[in-house]
Protein backbone atom coordinates (compact mmCIF):
# COMPACT_ATOMS: atom_id res chain seq x y z
CA MET A 1 60.98 16.53 25.53
CA SER A 2 60.66 13.37 27.50
CA GLU A 3 61.84 13.01 31.06
CA ASN A 4 65.56 12.24 31.13
CA ARG A 5 66.50 10.07 34.10
CA GLY A 6 69.62 8.42 32.67
CA GLY A 7 72.08 11.20 33.50
CA VAL A 8 72.73 11.84 29.80
CA PRO A 9 71.32 15.13 28.48
CA GLU A 10 69.69 15.31 25.06
CA ARG A 11 71.21 17.57 22.40
CA PRO A 12 69.12 20.76 22.27
CA THR A 13 67.79 22.33 19.11
CA LEU A 14 66.75 25.93 18.51
CA SER A 15 65.61 28.05 15.58
CA LEU A 16 67.79 30.96 14.50
CA SER A 17 67.27 33.38 11.63
CA GLY A 18 70.23 34.93 9.85
CA ASN A 19 73.86 33.98 9.34
CA TRP A 20 74.83 31.94 12.41
CA ARG A 21 77.75 29.54 12.75
CA ALA A 22 77.92 26.68 15.25
CA VAL A 23 81.01 27.21 17.39
CA ASN A 24 80.44 24.61 20.08
CA ASP A 25 78.49 21.37 20.48
CA GLU A 26 79.51 19.42 23.56
CA GLU A 27 78.43 17.55 26.64
CA SER A 28 80.07 18.36 29.97
CA VAL A 29 79.52 18.83 33.69
CA VAL A 30 77.91 22.27 33.79
CA PHE A 31 78.00 22.64 37.58
CA SER A 32 77.87 20.60 40.76
CA LEU A 33 75.28 20.71 43.50
CA PRO A 34 75.86 19.34 47.02
CA THR A 35 74.42 15.91 46.20
CA MET A 36 74.84 15.61 42.43
CA ARG A 37 76.55 16.73 39.28
CA VAL A 38 74.54 18.48 36.60
CA ARG A 39 75.55 17.50 33.08
CA GLY A 40 74.60 19.54 30.07
CA HIS A 41 74.62 19.21 26.30
CA THR A 42 75.28 22.69 24.94
CA VAL A 43 75.19 24.14 21.44
CA VAL A 44 76.58 27.64 20.85
CA TYR A 45 76.18 29.81 17.75
CA GLU A 46 77.68 33.17 16.83
CA ASP A 47 76.61 35.86 14.38
CA VAL A 48 79.31 35.49 11.73
CA GLU A 49 78.52 38.64 9.73
CA LEU A 50 78.56 40.90 12.78
CA ARG A 51 81.83 39.44 14.06
CA GLU A 52 83.52 39.86 10.67
CA SER A 53 82.21 43.44 10.31
CA VAL A 54 83.47 44.40 13.78
CA ARG A 55 86.84 42.71 13.22
CA ALA A 56 87.32 44.62 9.94
CA ALA A 57 86.15 47.95 11.38
CA THR A 58 88.48 47.67 14.39
CA GLU A 59 91.41 46.37 12.29
CA GLY A 60 91.39 43.15 14.30
CA ALA A 61 91.34 44.84 17.73
CA VAL A 62 87.97 43.20 18.49
CA ASP A 63 88.01 39.60 17.29
CA GLN A 64 85.55 37.84 19.54
CA PRO A 65 81.89 36.97 19.41
CA VAL A 66 79.93 40.19 19.86
CA ARG A 67 76.61 38.40 19.40
CA PHE A 68 76.06 34.76 20.33
CA THR A 69 73.31 32.45 21.47
CA PHE A 70 73.26 29.03 23.10
CA ALA A 71 70.96 26.28 24.36
CA THR A 72 71.62 23.59 26.95
CA ASN A 73 69.61 20.59 28.07
CA LEU A 74 70.52 19.32 31.55
CA ALA A 75 70.54 15.89 33.21
CA PHE A 76 71.25 15.01 36.83
CA GLU A 77 73.93 12.55 37.88
CA PRO A 78 72.87 10.53 39.80
CA PRO A 79 69.29 10.88 38.55
CA LEU A 80 66.80 12.46 40.90
CA PRO A 81 65.23 9.84 43.17
CA PRO A 82 61.70 8.67 42.37
CA GLY A 83 59.18 11.09 43.79
CA ALA A 84 61.67 13.97 43.94
CA GLY A 85 60.55 16.45 41.35
CA VAL A 86 62.75 18.85 39.46
CA ALA A 87 60.79 21.67 41.09
CA SER A 88 62.51 20.85 44.40
CA VAL A 89 65.98 21.58 42.98
CA PHE A 90 64.99 24.16 40.35
CA PRO A 91 65.76 27.31 42.43
CA THR A 92 69.27 26.00 43.13
CA VAL A 93 69.76 25.03 39.48
CA ARG A 94 68.57 28.46 38.31
CA GLU A 95 70.92 30.29 40.70
CA SER A 96 73.87 28.10 39.66
CA ALA A 97 73.03 28.63 35.98
CA GLU A 98 72.95 32.41 36.47
CA ARG A 99 76.39 32.39 38.13
CA GLU A 100 77.83 30.16 35.39
CA PHE A 101 76.39 32.35 32.63
CA ALA A 102 78.06 35.44 34.12
CA SER A 103 81.33 33.50 34.33
CA ASP A 104 80.92 32.31 30.72
CA LEU A 105 80.42 35.91 29.55
CA ARG A 106 83.71 36.88 31.21
CA GLU A 107 85.49 33.93 29.56
CA ARG A 108 84.19 35.14 26.18
CA GLY A 109 85.83 38.55 26.68
CA PHE A 110 82.90 40.50 28.12
CA GLU A 111 83.79 42.73 31.07
CA THR A 112 81.98 44.48 33.95
CA VAL A 113 79.33 41.75 33.89
CA SER A 114 76.42 42.35 36.25
CA ARG A 115 73.01 40.81 36.72
CA GLY A 116 70.03 42.97 35.86
CA ARG A 117 66.30 42.57 36.08
CA ARG A 118 64.22 39.42 36.06
CA ASP A 119 61.48 38.78 33.53
CA ARG A 120 59.42 35.88 32.17
CA THR A 121 58.37 34.46 28.85
CA ARG A 122 56.96 31.16 27.63
CA THR A 123 58.35 28.53 25.29
CA ASP A 124 56.48 27.76 22.09
CA GLU A 125 54.89 24.87 24.03
CA GLY A 126 53.65 27.24 26.75
CA VAL A 127 56.17 26.40 29.49
CA ARG A 128 57.08 29.36 31.70
CA VAL A 129 60.72 30.52 31.37
CA ALA A 130 62.49 32.48 34.12
CA LEU A 131 64.61 35.17 32.43
CA ARG A 132 67.56 37.12 33.84
CA GLN A 133 69.05 40.12 32.05
CA TYR A 134 72.79 40.92 32.20
CA ASP A 135 74.75 44.07 31.47
CA ALA A 136 78.35 43.91 30.28
CA THR A 137 80.91 45.74 28.16
CA VAL A 138 83.47 44.89 25.50
CA PRO A 139 86.77 46.84 25.53
CA VAL A 140 87.54 48.67 22.27
CA ASP A 141 90.56 51.00 21.92
CA GLY A 142 90.56 51.98 25.58
CA ALA A 143 86.79 52.56 25.65
CA ARG A 144 83.95 50.27 26.67
CA VAL A 145 81.09 49.28 24.38
CA ASP A 146 77.85 48.33 26.15
CA CYS A 147 76.39 44.85 25.77
CA GLU A 148 73.31 43.04 27.01
CA GLY A 149 72.69 39.38 27.70
CA TRP A 150 69.73 37.22 28.62
CA LEU A 151 69.51 33.80 30.24
CA GLY A 152 66.35 31.71 30.32
CA VAL A 153 65.92 28.70 32.63
CA TRP A 154 62.91 26.37 32.75
CA HIS A 155 61.75 22.84 33.46
CA ASP A 156 59.15 20.70 31.79
CA ALA A 157 58.13 17.11 32.59
CA GLY A 158 61.36 16.47 34.51
CA ASP A 159 63.68 18.07 31.96
CA VAL A 160 65.60 21.29 32.64
CA SER A 161 66.80 23.59 29.87
CA LEU A 162 68.82 26.80 29.65
CA ALA A 163 69.18 29.16 26.75
CA GLY A 164 70.47 32.66 26.23
CA GLY A 165 73.09 34.81 24.66
CA ALA A 166 74.54 38.29 24.48
CA TYR A 167 75.01 41.08 21.97
CA VAL A 168 76.48 44.57 21.67
CA THR A 169 74.03 47.43 22.15
CA ASP A 170 76.31 50.24 20.92
CA SER A 171 78.19 50.76 17.67
CA VAL A 172 81.61 49.06 17.58
CA GLY A 173 84.22 50.69 15.36
CA GLY A 174 81.48 52.45 13.42
CA VAL A 175 79.55 49.22 12.73
CA ASP A 176 75.85 49.87 13.19
CA VAL A 177 74.08 47.48 15.53
CA GLU A 178 70.40 46.73 16.11
CA PRO A 179 69.97 45.92 19.82
CA GLY A 180 66.18 45.88 19.63
CA ARG A 181 66.24 43.29 16.86
CA TYR A 182 69.00 41.32 18.60
CA ARG A 183 66.96 41.15 21.82
CA ARG A 184 63.79 40.15 19.97
CA GLU A 185 65.58 37.41 17.99
CA LEU A 186 67.33 36.08 21.11
CA LEU A 187 64.08 35.82 23.05
CA GLU A 188 62.43 34.16 20.03
CA ALA A 189 65.30 31.63 19.87
CA ILE A 190 64.94 30.88 23.61
CA ARG A 191 61.24 30.14 23.10
CA THR A 192 62.01 27.56 20.36
CA VAL A 193 64.47 25.40 22.32
CA GLU A 194 63.66 21.71 22.49
């Protein structure tokens, strides 16, 4: 990516394997900081097969994304002043992104959302990514099905990106799930974001 100083974020791309459907592709104000607004271009994908299997198995009781992933490229409005590096605002951006991701999970129907451990990975280009794990549940017939989410935040040459997603970790309505594979594929997708 090239440094984006114009306040307009670039559309992110990411590599996904399997049957994913784009459910959102938009630019918006992601959050506001004391001296600026942070705009983001976000793409969101959901696992179509898993959603349809869960909807059928629960006779429509669970009709929401139970596995999704997203990527967002950010831009600052107004642009950061010359000489002010992204590193100076990165901790604030990361904390704001973590709060917004938890809020987004709740809006998508996930409940009892809580932040978990921190971890790190690297993008395919070798840039270090700060990861945060999330625990959540999805209500099914009066019970709660466990879910896990991950958010990655990083900056490179003046650009800031976010990527993550969430997935069920327990069977829903008798539908078998593969949380280990889901986690591995999500982290692989995060590493490919451009």
